[in-house]
Amino acid sequence: MARPRSEGGDDLDGMWNDDFHHSAVVALTGRNEAYFNDYSGTPQEFISAAKHGFLYQGQALSWRKALRGTSTVGIAPEVFVCFSENHDQIANTGHGERLRFQTSPGRYRAMAAVLLLGPWTPLLFQGQEFGASSPFIFFADIGDASVRDAIRKGRAKWLASFLSLTEQQAWQTLPAPDDPDVFARCKLDFSERERNRELYDLHIDLLKLRREDSRFRQQSSGGIDGAVLGRASFVFRYFAEANDDRLLLVNFGESHSLHPASEPLLASPIGCKWKTLWTSDSPRYGGAGSIVGATQDRWILPAESAFALRLERKA
């Protein structure tokens, strides 16, 4: 936990938030093996991650049959390092499959917006920003045969539950970690920056928005709140002074209408209206170019998309 030693912590500046990753994987893929079984990928989990950091703060964790986590009260949001991919998690798929190949393009783009515009510190794994297709498989240069066999046995035992296999089946299925070809297959192909230009532009634009927008660049000020809008949709509202708030609307599911639109986080101050600042569904990123439909009593959320909105004065 990122607490000072005087309070029983390890005096860390930050810590990976595995809870966010697990929720993201379940939301995008529906997987529920092993520790993913402790997550539902619901909108509330992302709202809770934005407001509280870790989801587990001492509750019973069913997969481990043990308590996990402690309170995060008073810990700044940027202490929590959130990610949808890292070396461990990709390798834990067995064959190192990247997350974008396990979900739809629209949901993947929307999740990128949540990751890169949230109040936490975002982490991108190597090549994720340009949609790398290279796998990331567990590899190691092991000289001693007994050590090699022990590692392979340990990996097979650990990953069997993730792959819904027996340990013997996992042993036979998983690539040998000391096979030079395994390492070679994991190398990045930087020509994909151009071949996957739409995904590369998506990440470039999101990082620019986080860096340059007057509200997204000040994640620690003003505060953030969130609300569930549907089974797979939610909203973050980033509060600021002088009517400079932002909304991040996210819908991982089908298009749906909010009528009546009773959620107060969607309200704009008198004399102001919401204007789309950015959308994951832009044709620039391979999207259909859909827009958020908003009237005084109804909001229409396009399918599998995310929208950043800002307040502006009505003409």
C-alpha atoms as a PDB file:
ATOM      1  CA  MET A   1       0.000   0.000   0.000  1.00  0.00           C
ATOM      2  CA  ALA A   2       1.241   3.499  -0.834  1.00  0.00           C
ATOM      3  CA  ARG A   3       1.365   4.676   2.804  1.00  0.00           C
ATOM      4  CA  PRO A   4       4.298   6.073   4.794  1.00  0.00           C
ATOM      5  CA  ARG A   5       6.185   3.611   6.945  1.00  0.00           C
ATOM      6  CA  SER A   6       4.887   5.388  10.057  1.00  0.00           C
ATOM      7  CA  GLU A   7       1.400   4.196   9.101  1.00  0.00           C
ATOM      8  CA  GLY A   8       2.397   0.620   8.346  1.00  0.00           C
ATOM      9  CA  GLY A   9       3.019   1.035   4.618  1.00  0.00           C
ATOM     10  CA  ASP A  10       6.072   0.513   2.430  1.00  0.00           C
ATOM     11  CA  ASP A  11       6.603   4.233   1.733  1.00  0.00           C
ATOM     12  CA  LEU A  12       5.877   3.817  -1.974  1.00  0.00           C
ATOM     13  CA  ASP A  13       5.173   6.715  -4.331  1.00  0.00           C
ATOM     14  CA  GLY A  14       2.653   4.656  -6.297  1.00  0.00           C
ATOM     15  CA  MET A  15       1.290   1.180  -6.820  1.00  0.00           C
ATOM     16  CA  TRP A  16      -0.256  -0.792  -9.655  1.00  0.00           C
ATOM     17  CA  ASN A  17      -4.011  -1.068  -9.377  1.00  0.00           C
ATOM     18  CA  ASP A  18      -4.693  -4.647 -10.420  1.00  0.00           C
ATOM     19  CA  ASP A  19      -8.365  -4.130  -9.540  1.00  0.00           C
ATOM     20  CA  PHE A  20      -8.756  -1.732 -12.467  1.00  0.00           C
ATOM     21  CA  HIS A  21      -7.129  -4.202 -14.854  1.00  0.00           C
ATOM     22  CA  HIS A  22      -9.305  -7.097 -13.756  1.00  0.00           C
ATOM     23  CA  SER A  23     -12.493  -5.035 -14.098  1.00  0.00           C
ATOM     24  CA  ALA A  24     -11.370  -3.856 -17.534  1.00  0.00           C
ATOM     25  CA  VAL A  25     -10.703  -7.403 -18.767  1.00  0.00           C
ATOM     26  CA  VAL A  26     -14.092  -8.641 -17.560  1.00  0.00           C
ATOM     27  CA  ALA A  27     -15.877  -5.634 -19.099  1.00  0.00           C
ATOM     28  CA  LEU A  28     -14.161  -6.135 -22.460  1.00  0.00           C
ATOM     29  CA  THR A  29     -14.073  -9.920 -22.716  1.00  0.00           C
ATOM     30  CA  GLY A  30     -16.504 -11.444 -20.233  1.00  0.00           C
ATOM     31  CA  ARG A  31     -13.735 -13.693 -18.888  1.00  0.00           C
ATOM     32  CA  ASN A  32     -14.329 -14.979 -15.368  1.00  0.00           C
ATOM     33  CA  GLU A  33     -11.573 -17.526 -14.748  1.00  0.00           C
ATOM     34  CA  ALA A  34      -9.366 -17.497 -11.651  1.00  0.00           C
ATOM     35  CA  TYR A  35      -9.121 -14.067 -10.016  1.00  0.00           C
ATOM     36  CA  PHE A  36     -11.334 -12.500 -12.706  1.00  0.00           C
ATOM     37  CA  ASN A  37     -14.203 -14.253 -10.938  1.00  0.00           C
ATOM     38  CA  ASP A  38     -13.996 -11.589  -8.212  1.00  0.00           C
ATOM     39  CA  TYR A  39     -14.945  -8.822 -10.674  1.00  0.00           C
ATOM     40  CA  SER A  40     -18.020  -8.076 -12.742  1.00  0.00           C
ATOM     41  CA  GLY A  41     -16.744  -5.339 -15.083  1.00  0.00           C
ATOM     42  CA  THR A  42     -19.770  -3.195 -14.232  1.00  0.00           C
ATOM     43  CA  PRO A  43     -19.921   0.607 -14.499  1.00  0.00           C
ATOM     44  CA  GLN A  44     -19.890   0.883 -10.704  1.00  0.00           C
ATOM     45  CA  GLU A  45     -16.477  -0.778 -10.518  1.00  0.00           C
ATOM     46  CA  PHE A  46     -14.938   1.922 -12.723  1.00  0.00           C
ATOM     47  CA  ILE A  47     -16.660   4.688 -10.755  1.00  0.00           C
ATOM     48  CA  SER A  48     -15.380   3.191  -7.502  1.00  0.00           C
ATOM     49  CA  ALA A  49     -11.869   2.911  -8.938  1.00  0.00           C
ATOM     50  CA  ALA A  50     -11.970   6.606  -9.894  1.00  0.00           C
ATOM     51  CA  LYS A  51     -13.171   7.688  -6.458  1.00  0.00           C
ATOM     52  CA  HIS A  52     -11.398   5.222  -4.174  1.00  0.00           C
ATOM     53  CA  GLY A  53      -8.513   3.613  -6.069  1.00  0.00           C
ATOM     54  CA  PHE A  54      -8.487  -0.021  -5.036  1.00  0.00           C
ATOM     55  CA  LEU A  55     -11.800  -1.875  -5.080  1.00  0.00           C
ATOM     56  CA  TYR A  56     -10.798  -4.379  -2.440  1.00  0.00           C
ATOM     57  CA  GLN A  57     -10.075  -2.645   0.860  1.00  0.00           C
ATOM     58  CA  GLY A  58     -10.493  -5.493   3.314  1.00  0.00           C
ATOM     59  CA  GLN A  59     -13.512  -7.347   1.958  1.00  0.00           C
ATOM     60  CA  ALA A  60     -13.437 -11.116   1.567  1.00  0.00           C
ATOM     61  CA  LEU A  61     -11.833 -12.043  -1.750  1.00  0.00           C
ATOM     62  CA  SER A  62     -13.600 -15.168  -2.951  1.00  0.00           C
ATOM     63  CA  TRP A  63     -10.919 -16.616  -5.247  1.00  0.00           C
ATOM     64  CA  ARG A  64      -8.157 -16.502  -2.626  1.00  0.00           C
ATOM     65  CA  LYS A  65     -10.565 -17.138   0.270  1.00  0.00           C
ATOM     66  CA  ALA A  66      -8.801 -14.331   2.124  1.00  0.00           C
ATOM     67  CA  LEU A  67      -9.074 -10.662   2.930  1.00  0.00           C
ATOM     68  CA  ARG A  68      -7.381  -8.265   0.557  1.00  0.00           C
ATOM     69  CA  GLY A  69      -6.445  -4.611   0.772  1.00  0.00           C
ATOM     70  CA  THR A  70      -6.777  -1.775   3.282  1.00  0.00           C
ATOM     71  CA  SER A  71      -8.449   1.627   3.311  1.00  0.00           C
ATOM     72  CA  THR A  72      -7.329   4.211   0.747  1.00  0.00           C
ATOM     73  CA  VAL A  73      -8.872   7.226   2.504  1.00  0.00           C
ATOM     74  CA  GLY A  74      -6.706  10.309   2.011  1.00  0.00           C
ATOM     75  CA  ILE A  75      -4.547   8.818  -0.745  1.00  0.00           C
ATOM     76  CA  ALA A  76      -4.288  10.971  -3.873  1.00  0.00           C
ATOM     77  CA  PRO A  77      -5.720   9.488  -7.118  1.00  0.00           C
ATOM     78  CA  GLU A  78      -2.410   9.741  -8.978  1.00  0.00           C
ATOM     79  CA  VAL A  79      -0.845   7.229  -6.563  1.00  0.00           C
ATOM     80  CA  PHE A  80      -2.872   4.468  -8.249  1.00  0.00           C
ATOM     81  CA  VAL A  81      -1.232   3.290 -11.479  1.00  0.00           C
ATOM     82  CA  CYS A  82      -3.971   1.897 -13.726  1.00  0.00           C
ATOM     83  CA  PHE A  83      -3.518  -0.208 -16.846  1.00  0.00           C
ATOM     84  CA  SER A  84      -5.396  -2.561 -19.123  1.00  0.00           C
ATOM     85  CA  GLU A  85      -2.247  -4.501 -20.093  1.00  0.00           C
ATOM     86  CA  ASN A  86       1.117  -5.270 -18.560  1.00  0.00           C
ATOM     87  CA  HIS A  87       3.715  -8.017 -18.976  1.00  0.00           C
ATOM     88  CA  ASP A  88       2.242 -10.289 -16.308  1.00  0.00           C
ATOM     89  CA  GLN A  89      -1.363 -10.009 -17.419  1.00  0.00           C
ATOM     90  CA  ILE A  90      -0.728 -10.568 -21.120  1.00  0.00           C
ATOM     91  CA  ALA A  91       1.562 -13.492 -20.336  1.00  0.00           C
ATOM     92  CA  ASN A  92      -1.171 -14.946 -18.117  1.00  0.00           C
ATOM     93  CA  THR A  93      -3.278 -15.618 -21.195  1.00  0.00           C
ATOM     94  CA  GLY A  94      -0.814 -18.431 -21.888  1.00  0.00           C
ATOM     95  CA  HIS A  95      -0.098 -17.534 -25.489  1.00  0.00           C
ATOM     96  CA  GLY A  96       0.396 -13.839 -24.763  1.00  0.00           C
ATOM     97  CA  GLU A  97      -2.600 -12.535 -26.690  1.00  0.00           C
ATOM     98  CA  ARG A  98      -3.071  -8.764 -26.588  1.00  0.00           C
ATOM     99  CA  LEU A  99      -6.332  -7.466 -25.158  1.00  0.00           C
ATOM    100  CA  ARG A 100      -7.491  -5.785 -28.349  1.00  0.00           C
ATOM    101  CA  PHE A 101      -7.830  -9.194 -30.004  1.00  0.00           C
ATOM    102  CA  GLN A 102     -10.160 -10.353 -27.239  1.00  0.00           C
ATOM    103  CA  THR A 103     -12.825  -7.660 -27.659  1.00  0.00           C
ATOM    104  CA  SER A 104     -14.450  -5.385 -30.242  1.00  0.00           C
ATOM    105  CA  PRO A 105     -12.647  -2.321 -31.673  1.00  0.00           C
ATOM    106  CA  GLY A 106     -15.311   0.028 -30.289  1.00  0.00           C
ATOM    107  CA  ARG A 107     -15.104  -1.256 -26.726  1.00  0.00           C
ATOM    108  CA  TYR A 108     -11.321  -1.255 -26.895  1.00  0.00           C
ATOM    109  CA  ARG A 109     -11.248   2.406 -27.985  1.00  0.00           C
ATOM    110  CA  ALA A 110     -13.712   3.363 -25.242  1.00  0.00           C
ATOM    111  CA  MET A 111     -11.576   1.632 -22.610  1.00  0.00           C
ATOM    112  CA  ALA A 112      -8.529   3.549 -23.830  1.00  0.00           C
ATOM    113  CA  ALA A 113     -10.429   6.757 -23.068  1.00  0.00           C
ATOM    114  CA  VAL A 114     -11.281   5.582 -19.546  1.00  0.00           C
ATOM    115  CA  LEU A 115      -7.668   4.621 -18.917  1.00  0.00           C
ATOM    116  CA  LEU A 116      -6.051   7.782 -20.291  1.00  0.00           C
ATOM    117  CA  LEU A 117      -8.570  10.355 -19.034  1.00  0.00           C
ATOM    118  CA  GLY A 118      -9.191   8.911 -15.567  1.00  0.00           C
ATOM    119  CA  PRO A 119      -7.877  10.540 -12.361  1.00  0.00           C
ATOM    120  CA  TRP A 120      -5.239   7.850 -11.802  1.00  0.00           C
ATOM    121  CA  THR A 121      -1.763   7.605 -13.340  1.00  0.00           C
ATOM    122  CA  PRO A 122      -2.182   5.609 -16.577  1.00  0.00           C
ATOM    123  CA  LEU A 123       0.289   2.994 -17.762  1.00  0.00           C
ATOM    124  CA  LEU A 124       0.628   1.756 -21.342  1.00  0.00           C
ATOM    125  CA  PHE A 125       2.432  -1.509 -21.983  1.00  0.00           C
ATOM    126  CA  GLN A 126       5.024  -1.656 -24.748  1.00  0.00           C
ATOM    127  CA  GLY A 127       3.427  -1.292 -28.160  1.00  0.00           C
ATOM    128  CA  GLN A 128      -0.082  -0.883 -26.765  1.00  0.00           C
ATOM    129  CA  GLU A 129      -0.172   2.686 -28.028  1.00  0.00           C
ATOM    130  CA  PHE A 130       0.052   1.557 -31.649  1.00  0.00           C
ATOM    131  CA  GLY A 131      -1.914  -1.669 -31.392  1.00  0.00           C
ATOM    132  CA  ALA A 132       1.033  -4.056 -31.375  1.00  0.00           C
ATOM    133  CA  SER A 133       0.034  -7.492 -32.636  1.00  0.00           C
ATOM    134  CA  SER A 134       3.124  -9.229 -31.238  1.00  0.00           C
ATOM    135  CA  PRO A 135       2.282 -11.452 -28.265  1.00  0.00           C
ATOM    136  CA  PHE A 136       4.004 -11.208 -24.908  1.00  0.00           C
ATOM    137  CA  ILE A 137       4.697 -14.738 -23.743  1.00  0.00           C
ATOM    138  CA  PHE A 138       6.573 -15.645 -20.583  1.00  0.00           C
ATOM    139  CA  PHE A 139      10.211 -16.225 -21.560  1.00  0.00           C
ATOM    140  CA  ALA A 140      13.430 -16.786 -19.621  1.00  0.00           C
ATOM    141  CA  ASP A 141      17.016 -17.785 -20.382  1.00  0.00           C
ATOM    142  CA  ILE A 142      17.354 -20.876 -18.206  1.00  0.00           C
ATOM    143  CA  GLY A 143      20.511 -22.952 -18.261  1.00  0.00           C
ATOM    144  CA  ASP A 144      19.823 -25.480 -15.505  1.00  0.00           C
ATOM    145  CA  ALA A 145      17.414 -28.229 -16.615  1.00  0.00           C
ATOM    146  CA  SER A 146      15.996 -28.753 -13.119  1.00  0.00           C
ATOM    147  CA  VAL A 147      15.246 -25.045 -12.767  1.00  0.00           C
ATOM    148  CA  ARG A 148      13.717 -24.974 -16.236  1.00  0.00           C
ATOM    149  CA  ASP A 149      11.388 -27.870 -15.435  1.00  0.00           C
ATOM    150  CA  ALA A 150      10.411 -26.351 -12.078  1.00  0.00           C
ATOM    151  CA  ILE A 151       9.526 -23.045 -13.745  1.00  0.00           C
ATOM    152  CA  ARG A 152       7.502 -24.755 -16.450  1.00  0.00           C
ATOM    153  CA  LYS A 153       5.670 -26.822 -13.840  1.00  0.00           C
ATOM    154  CA  GLY A 154       4.943 -23.715 -11.777  1.00  0.00           C
ATOM    155  CA  ARG A 155       3.651 -21.829 -14.794  1.00  0.00           C
ATOM    156  CA  ALA A 156       1.429 -24.735 -15.814  1.00  0.00           C
ATOM    157  CA  LYS A 157      -0.023 -24.992 -12.305  1.00  0.00           C
ATOM    158  CA  TRP A 158      -0.661 -21.232 -12.113  1.00  0.00           C
ATOM    159  CA  LEU A 159      -2.174 -20.833 -15.571  1.00  0.00           C
ATOM    160  CA  ALA A 160      -4.303 -23.966 -15.649  1.00  0.00           C
ATOM    161  CA  SER A 161      -7.201 -22.164 -13.945  1.00  0.00           C
ATOM    162  CA  PHE A 162      -6.920 -19.208 -16.345  1.00  0.00           C
ATOM    163  CA  LEU A 163      -7.036 -21.510 -19.356  1.00  0.00           C
ATOM    164  CA  SER A 164      -9.664 -23.918 -17.995  1.00  0.00           C
ATOM    165  CA  LEU A 165      -7.190 -26.788 -18.404  1.00  0.00           C
ATOM    166  CA  THR A 166      -5.648 -29.449 -16.211  1.00  0.00           C
ATOM    167  CA  GLU A 167      -2.037 -28.902 -15.168  1.00  0.00           C
ATOM    168  CA  GLN A 168      -0.926 -31.607 -17.610  1.00  0.00           C
ATOM    169  CA  GLN A 169      -2.834 -29.993 -20.468  1.00  0.00           C
ATOM    170  CA  ALA A 170      -1.358 -26.607 -19.563  1.00  0.00           C
ATOM    171  CA  TRP A 171       2.149 -28.105 -19.557  1.00  0.00           C
ATOM    172  CA  GLN A 172       1.575 -29.490 -23.056  1.00  0.00           C
ATOM    173  CA  THR A 173      -0.030 -26.304 -24.354  1.00  0.00           C
ATOM    174  CA  LEU A 174       2.177 -23.524 -23.008  1.00  0.00           C
ATOM    175  CA  PRO A 175       5.270 -22.531 -25.015  1.00  0.00           C
ATOM    176  CA  ALA A 176       8.594 -23.459 -23.440  1.00  0.00           C
ATOM    177  CA  PRO A 177       9.946 -20.272 -21.810  1.00  0.00           C
ATOM    178  CA  ASP A 178      13.548 -20.925 -22.880  1.00  0.00           C
ATOM    179  CA  ASP A 179      12.690 -21.487 -26.550  1.00  0.00           C
ATOM    180  CA  PRO A 180      14.495 -18.694 -28.469  1.00  0.00           C
ATOM    181  CA  ASP A 181      11.535 -18.462 -30.840  1.00  0.00           C
ATOM    182  CA  VAL A 182       9.278 -17.495 -27.927  1.00  0.00           C
ATOM    183  CA  PHE A 183      11.472 -14.480 -27.215  1.00  0.00           C
ATOM    184  CA  ALA A 184      11.707 -13.563 -30.909  1.00  0.00           C
ATOM    185  CA  ARG A 185       7.921 -13.620 -31.325  1.00  0.00           C
ATOM    186  CA  CYS A 186       7.565 -11.043 -28.534  1.00  0.00           C
ATOM    187  CA  LYS A 187       9.668  -8.387 -30.269  1.00  0.00           C
ATOM    188  CA  LEU A 188       7.806  -5.283 -31.383  1.00  0.00           C
ATOM    189  CA  ASP A 189       7.331  -4.448 -35.047  1.00  0.00           C
ATOM    190  CA  PHE A 190       7.531  -0.663 -35.150  1.00  0.00           C
ATOM    191  CA  SER A 191       6.207  -0.546 -38.711  1.00  0.00           C
ATOM    192  CA  GLU A 192       2.818  -1.181 -37.068  1.00  0.00           C
ATOM    193  CA  ARG A 193       2.838   2.461 -36.014  1.00  0.00           C
ATOM    194  CA  GLU A 194       1.841   3.227 -39.589  1.00  0.00           C
ATOM    195  CA  ARG A 195      -0.143   0.085 -40.343  1.00  0.00           C
ATOM    196  CA  ASN A 196      -2.233   0.661 -37.218  1.00  0.00           C
ATOM    197  CA  ARG A 197      -2.302   4.421 -37.619  1.00  0.00           C
ATOM    198  CA  GLU A 198      -5.884   4.779 -36.382  1.00  0.00           C
ATOM    199  CA  LEU A 199      -5.063   3.250 -32.995  1.00  0.00           C
ATOM    200  CA  TYR A 200      -1.814   5.195 -32.793  1.00  0.00           C
ATOM    201  CA  ASP A 201      -3.673   8.458 -33.448  1.00  0.00           C
ATOM    202  CA  LEU A 202      -6.252   7.521 -30.814  1.00  0.00           C
ATOM    203  CA  HIS A 203      -3.611   7.256 -28.111  1.00  0.00           C
ATOM    204  CA  ILE A 204      -1.724  10.335 -29.311  1.00  0.00           C
ATOM    205  CA  ASP A 205      -4.897  12.439 -29.214  1.00  0.00           C
ATOM    206  CA  LEU A 206      -5.970  11.145 -25.802  1.00  0.00           C
ATOM    207  CA  LEU A 207      -2.568  11.887 -24.291  1.00  0.00           C
ATOM    208  CA  LYS A 208      -2.635  15.344 -25.849  1.00  0.00           C
ATOM    209  CA  LEU A 209      -6.102  15.961 -24.407  1.00  0.00           C
ATOM    210  CA  ARG A 210      -4.943  14.879 -20.950  1.00  0.00           C
ATOM    211  CA  ARG A 211      -1.875  17.091 -21.211  1.00  0.00           C
ATOM    212  CA  GLU A 212      -3.373  20.229 -22.756  1.00  0.00           C
ATOM    213  CA  ASP A 213      -7.039  20.469 -21.758  1.00  0.00           C
ATOM    214  CA  SER A 214      -7.619  22.922 -18.909  1.00  0.00           C
ATOM    215  CA  ARG A 215      -9.473  20.338 -16.812  1.00  0.00           C
ATOM    216  CA  PHE A 216      -8.089  16.936 -17.780  1.00  0.00           C
ATOM    217  CA  ARG A 217      -4.526  18.093 -17.111  1.00  0.00           C
ATOM    218  CA  GLN A 218      -5.426  19.005 -13.509  1.00  0.00           C
ATOM    219  CA  GLN A 219      -6.634  15.643 -12.325  1.00  0.00           C
ATOM    220  CA  SER A 220      -6.023  16.406  -8.629  1.00  0.00           C
ATOM    221  CA  SER A 221      -8.111  19.580  -8.498  1.00  0.00           C
ATOM    222  CA  GLY A 222     -11.855  20.042  -8.405  1.00  0.00           C
ATOM    223  CA  GLY A 223     -12.761  16.440  -7.705  1.00  0.00           C
ATOM    224  CA  ILE A 224     -14.520  13.792  -9.740  1.00  0.00           C
ATOM    225  CA  ASP A 225     -17.809  11.986  -9.324  1.00  0.00           C
ATOM    226  CA  GLY A 226     -19.499   9.277 -11.355  1.00  0.00           C
ATOM    227  CA  ALA A 227     -22.866   7.666 -11.962  1.00  0.00           C
ATOM    228  CA  VAL A 228     -24.188   4.494 -13.562  1.00  0.00           C
ATOM    229  CA  LEU A 229     -26.291   5.262 -16.655  1.00  0.00           C
ATOM    230  CA  GLY A 230     -27.066   1.731 -17.822  1.00  0.00           C
ATOM    231  CA  ARG A 231     -25.958  -1.884 -17.645  1.00  0.00           C
ATOM    232  CA  ALA A 232     -22.738  -1.066 -19.503  1.00  0.00           C
ATOM    233  CA  SER A 233     -22.632   2.745 -19.431  1.00  0.00           C
ATOM    234  CA  PHE A 234     -21.535   5.397 -16.970  1.00  0.00           C
ATOM    235  CA  VAL A 235     -20.412   9.004 -16.673  1.00  0.00           C
ATOM    236  CA  PHE A 236     -17.525  10.746 -14.919  1.00  0.00           C
ATOM    237  CA  ARG A 237     -17.918  14.435 -14.120  1.00  0.00           C
ATOM    238  CA  TYR A 238     -14.759  16.443 -13.508  1.00  0.00           C
ATOM    239  CA  PHE A 239     -15.620  19.525 -11.460  1.00  0.00           C
ATOM    240  CA  ALA A 240     -13.896  22.875 -11.884  1.00  0.00           C
ATOM    241  CA  GLU A 241     -14.451  26.543 -11.149  1.00  0.00           C
ATOM    242  CA  ALA A 242     -16.052  29.034 -13.533  1.00  0.00           C
ATOM    243  CA  ASN A 243     -18.200  26.457 -15.335  1.00  0.00           C
ATOM    244  CA  ASP A 244     -15.202  24.613 -16.749  1.00  0.00           C
ATOM    245  CA  ASP A 245     -16.473  21.103 -15.919  1.00  0.00           C
ATOM    246  CA  ARG A 246     -15.954  18.078 -18.151  1.00  0.00           C
ATOM    247  CA  LEU A 247     -17.955  14.921 -18.734  1.00  0.00           C
ATOM    248  CA  LEU A 248     -16.643  11.550 -19.854  1.00  0.00           C
ATOM    249  CA  LEU A 249     -19.527   9.439 -21.149  1.00  0.00           C
ATOM    250  CA  VAL A 250     -18.704   5.755 -21.620  1.00  0.00           C
ATOM    251  CA  ASN A 251     -20.852   3.009 -23.103  1.00  0.00           C
ATOM    252  CA  PHE A 252     -19.407  -0.474 -23.524  1.00  0.00           C
ATOM    253  CA  GLY A 253     -22.751  -1.890 -24.655  1.00  0.00           C
ATOM    254  CA  GLU A 254     -25.497  -1.255 -27.187  1.00  0.00           C
ATOM    255  CA  SER A 255     -26.860   2.180 -28.032  1.00  0.00           C
ATOM    256  CA  HIS A 256     -29.503   3.279 -25.589  1.00  0.00           C
ATOM    257  CA  SER A 257     -31.566   6.282 -24.576  1.00  0.00           C
ATOM    258  CA  LEU A 258     -31.742   7.962 -21.167  1.00  0.00           C
ATOM    259  CA  HIS A 259     -35.355   9.046 -20.843  1.00  0.00           C
ATOM    260  CA  PRO A 260     -36.046  10.564 -18.476  1.00  0.00           C
ATOM    261  CA  ALA A 261     -32.505  11.866 -18.015  1.00  0.00           C
ATOM    262  CA  SER A 262     -32.730  12.116 -14.237  1.00  0.00           C
ATOM    263  CA  GLU A 263     -29.016  11.810 -13.415  1.00  0.00           C
ATOM    264  CA  PRO A 264     -27.863  15.188 -11.935  1.00  0.00           C
ATOM    265  CA  LEU A 265     -24.259  14.767 -13.127  1.00  0.00           C
ATOM    266  CA  LEU A 266     -25.562  15.304 -16.669  1.00  0.00           C
ATOM    267  CA  ALA A 267     -27.050  18.706 -15.816  1.00  0.00           C
ATOM    268  CA  SER A 268     -25.487  21.865 -17.220  1.00  0.00           C
ATOM    269  CA  PRO A 269     -25.621  25.220 -15.379  1.00  0.00           C
ATOM    270  CA  ILE A 270     -28.136  27.820 -16.539  1.00  0.00           C
ATOM    271  CA  GLY A 271     -26.872  29.530 -19.668  1.00  0.00           C
ATOM    272  CA  CYS A 272     -24.484  26.695 -20.561  1.00  0.00           C
ATOM    273  CA  LYS A 273     -24.621  23.552 -22.676  1.00  0.00           C
ATOM    274  CA  TRP A 274     -22.449  20.509 -23.239  1.00  0.00           C
ATOM    275  CA  LYS A 275     -20.279  20.400 -26.366  1.00  0.00           C
ATOM    276  CA  THR A 276     -18.404  17.336 -27.599  1.00  0.00           C
ATOM    277  CA  LEU A 277     -14.668  17.812 -27.182  1.00  0.00           C
ATOM    278  CA  TRP A 278     -13.535  14.353 -28.297  1.00  0.00           C
ATOM    279  CA  THR A 279     -15.033  10.987 -29.222  1.00  0.00           C
ATOM    280  CA  SER A 280     -13.618   7.487 -29.565  1.00  0.00           C
ATOM    281  CA  ASP A 281     -16.082   6.891 -32.416  1.00  0.00           C
ATOM    282  CA  SER A 282     -14.394   9.400 -34.728  1.00  0.00           C
ATOM    283  CA  PRO A 283     -13.653   8.094 -38.274  1.00  0.00           C
ATOM    284  CA  ARG A 284     -10.076   9.188 -37.558  1.00  0.00           C
ATOM    285  CA  TYR A 285      -9.847   6.144 -35.271  1.00  0.00           C
ATOM    286  CA  GLY A 286     -11.934   3.797 -37.394  1.00  0.00           C
ATOM    287  CA  GLY A 287     -15.262   4.667 -35.768  1.00  0.00           C
ATOM    288  CA  ALA A 288     -18.624   5.366 -37.381  1.00  0.00           C
ATOM    289  CA  GLY A 289     -18.696   9.051 -36.436  1.00  0.00           C
ATOM    290  CA  SER A 290     -21.751   8.790 -34.176  1.00  0.00           C
ATOM    291  CA  ILE A 291     -22.663  11.654 -31.875  1.00  0.00           C
ATOM    292  CA  VAL A 292     -24.238  12.001 -28.457  1.00  0.00           C
ATOM    293  CA  GLY A 293     -27.849  13.085 -28.764  1.00  0.00           C
ATOM    294  CA  ALA A 294     -28.822  15.407 -25.917  1.00  0.00           C
ATOM    295  CA  THR A 295     -32.010  17.406 -25.391  1.00  0.00           C
ATOM    296  CA  GLN A 296     -33.609  18.824 -22.268  1.00  0.00           C
ATOM    297  CA  ASP A 297     -35.217  15.493 -21.380  1.00  0.00           C
ATOM    298  CA  ARG A 298     -33.307  12.808 -23.299  1.00  0.00           C
ATOM    299  CA  TRP A 299     -29.735  11.626 -23.901  1.00  0.00           C
ATOM    300  CA  ILE A 300     -28.851   9.041 -26.549  1.00  0.00           C
ATOM    301  CA  LEU A 301     -25.618   7.134 -25.963  1.00  0.00           C
ATOM    302  CA  PRO A 302     -24.104   5.511 -29.077  1.00  0.00           C
ATOM    303  CA  ALA A 303     -22.908   1.913 -28.796  1.00  0.00           C
ATOM    304  CA  GLU A 304     -19.375   0.971 -27.754  1.00  0.00           C
ATOM    305  CA  SER A 305     -18.028   4.504 -27.531  1.00  0.00           C
ATOM    306  CA  ALA A 306     -16.742   7.214 -25.231  1.00  0.00           C
ATOM    307  CA  PHE A 307     -17.268  10.970 -25.409  1.00  0.00           C
ATOM    308  CA  ALA A 308     -15.513  13.833 -23.631  1.00  0.00           C
ATOM    309  CA  LEU A 309     -17.704  16.933 -23.310  1.00  0.00           C
ATOM    310  CA  ARG A 310     -17.058  20.441 -22.021  1.00  0.00           C
ATOM    311  CA  LEU A 311     -19.315  23.247 -20.913  1.00  0.00           C
ATOM    312  CA  GLU A 312     -19.745  26.278 -23.141  1.00  0.00           C
ATOM    313  CA  ARG A 313     -21.970  29.330 -23.028  1.00  0.00           C
ATOM    314  CA  LYS A 314     -25.140  29.184 -25.076  1.00  0.00           C
ATOM    315  CA  ALA A 315     -25.236  31.588 -27.980  1.00  0.00           C
END
